[in-house]
N, C-alpha and C. Protein backbone atom coordinates (compact mmCIF):
# COMPACT_ATOMS: atom_id res chain seq x y z
N MET A 1 13.88 -121.27 -31.78
CA MET A 1 12.60 -120.64 -32.02
C MET A 1 12.64 -120.00 -33.41
N ILE A 2 11.65 -120.29 -34.22
CA ILE A 2 11.55 -119.71 -35.55
C ILE A 2 10.37 -118.76 -35.57
N MET A 3 10.61 -117.54 -36.05
CA MET A 3 9.55 -116.54 -36.21
C MET A 3 9.57 -116.09 -37.66
N SER A 4 8.42 -115.91 -38.23
CA SER A 4 8.33 -115.37 -39.59
C SER A 4 7.31 -114.25 -39.60
N ARG A 5 7.66 -113.16 -40.24
CA ARG A 5 6.75 -112.02 -40.41
C ARG A 5 6.99 -111.44 -41.79
N SER A 6 5.96 -110.92 -42.38
CA SER A 6 6.08 -110.25 -43.67
C SER A 6 6.35 -108.77 -43.42
N VAL A 7 7.35 -108.21 -44.09
CA VAL A 7 7.66 -106.79 -43.98
C VAL A 7 7.79 -106.23 -45.39
N LYS A 8 7.59 -104.91 -45.50
CA LYS A 8 7.70 -104.25 -46.80
C LYS A 8 9.01 -103.50 -46.88
N LEU A 9 9.63 -103.55 -48.03
CA LEU A 9 10.87 -102.84 -48.29
C LEU A 9 10.53 -101.44 -48.79
N SER A 10 11.17 -100.42 -48.20
CA SER A 10 10.93 -99.05 -48.65
C SER A 10 11.68 -98.78 -49.94
N GLN A 11 11.44 -97.61 -50.53
CA GLN A 11 12.15 -97.24 -51.74
C GLN A 11 13.66 -97.13 -51.50
N LYS A 12 14.05 -96.86 -50.26
CA LYS A 12 15.47 -96.78 -49.90
C LYS A 12 16.05 -98.15 -49.56
N GLY A 13 15.27 -99.22 -49.67
CA GLY A 13 15.75 -100.56 -49.35
C GLY A 13 15.73 -100.86 -47.86
N GLN A 14 14.94 -100.13 -47.10
CA GLN A 14 14.88 -100.31 -45.65
C GLN A 14 13.62 -101.08 -45.26
N PHE A 15 13.70 -101.78 -44.13
CA PHE A 15 12.51 -102.41 -43.57
C PHE A 15 12.61 -102.35 -42.05
N VAL A 16 11.48 -102.55 -41.39
CA VAL A 16 11.42 -102.52 -39.94
C VAL A 16 11.46 -103.95 -39.42
N ILE A 17 12.36 -104.20 -38.48
CA ILE A 17 12.39 -105.51 -37.83
C ILE A 17 11.24 -105.51 -36.82
N PRO A 18 10.31 -106.44 -36.93
CA PRO A 18 9.17 -106.46 -36.00
C PRO A 18 9.62 -106.48 -34.54
N LYS A 19 8.80 -105.84 -33.69
CA LYS A 19 9.13 -105.66 -32.28
C LYS A 19 9.50 -106.96 -31.58
N GLU A 20 8.72 -108.00 -31.79
CA GLU A 20 9.00 -109.26 -31.09
C GLU A 20 10.34 -109.86 -31.51
N MET A 21 10.76 -109.61 -32.75
CA MET A 21 12.07 -110.09 -33.21
C MET A 21 13.20 -109.24 -32.64
N ARG A 22 12.99 -107.93 -32.56
CA ARG A 22 14.00 -107.06 -31.92
C ARG A 22 14.20 -107.46 -30.47
N GLU A 23 13.10 -107.73 -29.79
CA GLU A 23 13.18 -108.13 -28.38
C GLU A 23 13.89 -109.48 -28.24
N ALA A 24 13.56 -110.44 -29.10
CA ALA A 24 14.19 -111.76 -29.03
C ALA A 24 15.69 -111.67 -29.33
N LEU A 25 16.06 -110.76 -30.23
CA LEU A 25 17.47 -110.57 -30.58
C LEU A 25 18.19 -109.69 -29.57
N GLY A 26 17.40 -108.94 -28.80
CA GLY A 26 17.98 -108.06 -27.79
C GLY A 26 18.61 -106.80 -28.38
N VAL A 27 17.99 -106.25 -29.41
CA VAL A 27 18.53 -105.04 -30.04
C VAL A 27 17.56 -103.88 -29.88
N LYS A 28 18.15 -102.68 -29.93
CA LYS A 28 17.35 -101.45 -29.85
C LYS A 28 17.90 -100.46 -30.86
N ALA A 29 17.24 -99.35 -31.02
CA ALA A 29 17.67 -98.32 -31.98
C ALA A 29 19.12 -97.93 -31.71
N GLY A 30 19.89 -97.86 -32.77
CA GLY A 30 21.29 -97.47 -32.65
C GLY A 30 22.26 -98.63 -32.51
N ASP A 31 21.76 -99.83 -32.21
CA ASP A 31 22.64 -101.00 -32.10
C ASP A 31 23.17 -101.39 -33.48
N GLU A 32 24.35 -101.97 -33.47
CA GLU A 32 24.97 -102.43 -34.72
C GLU A 32 24.65 -103.90 -34.93
N LEU A 33 24.33 -104.25 -36.18
CA LEU A 33 24.06 -105.64 -36.54
C LEU A 33 24.96 -106.05 -37.70
N LEU A 34 25.30 -107.31 -37.76
CA LEU A 34 26.03 -107.86 -38.89
C LEU A 34 25.00 -108.46 -39.83
N VAL A 35 25.06 -108.09 -41.12
CA VAL A 35 24.13 -108.60 -42.12
C VAL A 35 24.90 -109.57 -43.01
N THR A 36 24.43 -110.80 -43.09
CA THR A 36 25.08 -111.83 -43.89
C THR A 36 24.10 -112.37 -44.91
N PHE A 37 24.57 -112.54 -46.14
CA PHE A 37 23.75 -113.17 -47.18
C PHE A 37 24.28 -114.58 -47.37
N ASP A 38 23.42 -115.58 -47.17
CA ASP A 38 23.85 -116.97 -47.24
C ASP A 38 22.81 -117.80 -47.99
N GLU A 39 23.18 -118.24 -49.18
CA GLU A 39 22.32 -119.11 -49.99
C GLU A 39 20.88 -118.61 -50.07
N GLY A 40 20.72 -117.36 -50.45
CA GLY A 40 19.38 -116.80 -50.65
C GLY A 40 18.69 -116.32 -49.38
N LYS A 41 19.40 -116.35 -48.24
CA LYS A 41 18.83 -115.88 -46.98
C LYS A 41 19.64 -114.71 -46.47
N VAL A 42 18.96 -113.74 -45.87
CA VAL A 42 19.61 -112.63 -45.19
C VAL A 42 19.53 -112.92 -43.70
N VAL A 43 20.69 -112.92 -43.03
CA VAL A 43 20.75 -113.24 -41.61
C VAL A 43 21.27 -112.02 -40.85
N LEU A 44 20.56 -111.60 -39.81
CA LEU A 44 20.98 -110.48 -38.95
C LEU A 44 21.51 -111.05 -37.65
N THR A 45 22.71 -110.61 -37.26
CA THR A 45 23.36 -111.14 -36.06
C THR A 45 24.07 -110.01 -35.33
N HIS A 46 24.16 -110.12 -34.02
CA HIS A 46 25.03 -109.22 -33.25
C HIS A 46 26.46 -109.52 -33.67
N PRO A 47 27.30 -108.51 -33.94
CA PRO A 47 28.70 -108.79 -34.27
C PRO A 47 29.40 -109.62 -33.19
N GLN A 48 29.08 -109.38 -31.91
CA GLN A 48 29.71 -110.13 -30.83
C GLN A 48 29.30 -111.60 -30.87
N HIS A 49 28.04 -111.89 -31.20
CA HIS A 49 27.58 -113.28 -31.29
C HIS A 49 28.30 -113.99 -32.43
N TYR A 50 28.48 -113.28 -33.55
CA TYR A 50 29.18 -113.86 -34.69
C TYR A 50 30.63 -114.14 -34.33
N ALA A 51 31.26 -113.19 -33.64
CA ALA A 51 32.66 -113.36 -33.23
C ALA A 51 32.80 -114.58 -32.32
N ARG A 52 31.88 -114.74 -31.37
CA ARG A 52 31.93 -115.91 -30.47
C ARG A 52 31.73 -117.20 -31.24
N ALA A 53 30.79 -117.18 -32.20
CA ALA A 53 30.47 -118.40 -32.95
C ALA A 53 31.61 -118.83 -33.87
N THR A 54 32.40 -117.87 -34.35
CA THR A 54 33.46 -118.21 -35.30
C THR A 54 34.85 -118.24 -34.66
N ARG A 55 34.95 -117.87 -33.39
CA ARG A 55 36.24 -117.85 -32.70
C ARG A 55 36.89 -119.23 -32.74
N GLY A 56 38.15 -119.26 -33.14
CA GLY A 56 38.91 -120.50 -33.15
C GLY A 56 38.76 -121.33 -34.41
N MET A 57 37.96 -120.90 -35.37
CA MET A 57 37.74 -121.71 -36.57
C MET A 57 39.02 -121.89 -37.39
N LEU A 58 39.91 -120.92 -37.35
CA LEU A 58 41.15 -121.00 -38.13
C LEU A 58 42.34 -121.46 -37.30
N LYS A 59 42.08 -121.90 -36.09
CA LYS A 59 43.16 -122.34 -35.21
C LYS A 59 43.96 -123.45 -35.88
N GLY A 60 45.28 -123.29 -35.87
CA GLY A 60 46.16 -124.28 -36.47
C GLY A 60 46.42 -124.08 -37.95
N THR A 61 45.76 -123.12 -38.57
CA THR A 61 45.92 -122.89 -40.00
C THR A 61 47.36 -122.52 -40.35
N TRP A 62 47.99 -121.69 -39.54
CA TRP A 62 49.34 -121.21 -39.83
C TRP A 62 50.39 -121.86 -38.94
N GLY A 63 50.00 -122.75 -38.10
CA GLY A 63 50.93 -123.46 -37.24
C GLY A 63 50.25 -123.87 -35.95
N ARG A 64 50.83 -124.87 -35.30
CA ARG A 64 50.23 -125.38 -34.07
C ARG A 64 50.80 -124.73 -32.82
N SER A 65 51.92 -124.03 -32.97
CA SER A 65 52.52 -123.37 -31.81
C SER A 65 52.86 -121.93 -32.19
N ARG A 66 53.13 -121.13 -31.18
CA ARG A 66 53.49 -119.73 -31.43
C ARG A 66 54.73 -119.64 -32.32
N GLY A 67 55.71 -120.53 -32.07
CA GLY A 67 56.93 -120.54 -32.88
C GLY A 67 56.64 -120.84 -34.34
N GLU A 68 55.78 -121.81 -34.61
CA GLU A 68 55.42 -122.14 -35.99
C GLU A 68 54.73 -120.97 -36.67
N VAL A 69 53.85 -120.30 -35.96
CA VAL A 69 53.14 -119.15 -36.52
C VAL A 69 54.13 -118.02 -36.81
N GLU A 70 55.05 -117.76 -35.89
CA GLU A 70 56.04 -116.71 -36.11
C GLU A 70 56.93 -117.03 -37.30
N ARG A 71 57.33 -118.31 -37.47
CA ARG A 71 58.13 -118.70 -38.64
C ARG A 71 57.33 -118.50 -39.93
N TYR A 72 56.06 -118.84 -39.90
CA TYR A 72 55.19 -118.64 -41.06
C TYR A 72 55.14 -117.16 -41.43
N ILE A 73 54.94 -116.30 -40.44
CA ILE A 73 54.86 -114.86 -40.68
C ILE A 73 56.17 -114.34 -41.26
N LYS A 74 57.31 -114.79 -40.73
CA LYS A 74 58.62 -114.36 -41.25
C LYS A 74 58.78 -114.77 -42.71
N ARG A 75 58.40 -116.01 -43.04
CA ARG A 75 58.50 -116.47 -44.44
C ARG A 75 57.63 -115.61 -45.35
N GLU A 76 56.42 -115.32 -44.91
CA GLU A 76 55.52 -114.49 -45.71
C GLU A 76 56.10 -113.10 -45.93
N ARG A 77 56.60 -112.49 -44.87
CA ARG A 77 57.18 -111.15 -44.98
C ARG A 77 58.38 -111.13 -45.91
N ARG A 78 59.20 -112.18 -45.86
CA ARG A 78 60.36 -112.26 -46.77
C ARG A 78 59.89 -112.35 -48.21
N SER A 79 58.78 -113.02 -48.45
CA SER A 79 58.28 -113.17 -49.82
C SER A 79 57.78 -111.85 -50.41
N TRP A 80 57.53 -110.85 -49.56
CA TRP A 80 57.07 -109.54 -50.03
C TRP A 80 58.22 -108.69 -50.57
N GLU A 81 59.45 -109.03 -50.19
CA GLU A 81 60.59 -108.20 -50.57
C GLU A 81 60.99 -108.42 -52.00
C-alpha cells in the first residue's frame, strides 16, 4: 500500500506523521522509529521490523561454523597486539 501526503517542516526540522500513516505503521506517541536516508528518500521503520528484515544478512561472512568464527576472532584479536 502506498500513501502520500504533503507535510510542512517546522523551523526545528520537525513534521507530523499523518494519522492514517501512524495507524498503518502501528505507532503512537513515544514510540521509537528508525530513520533511514536512502537515495533521496527518508524511510521510517520500527527498529524491530528492520532487525527482522536484516537478520542473517551477514551469515557466513566470518565463517560457516562456530569454530571458523572463533578462529577468525582469535586471529583478529592477535592482530591488535
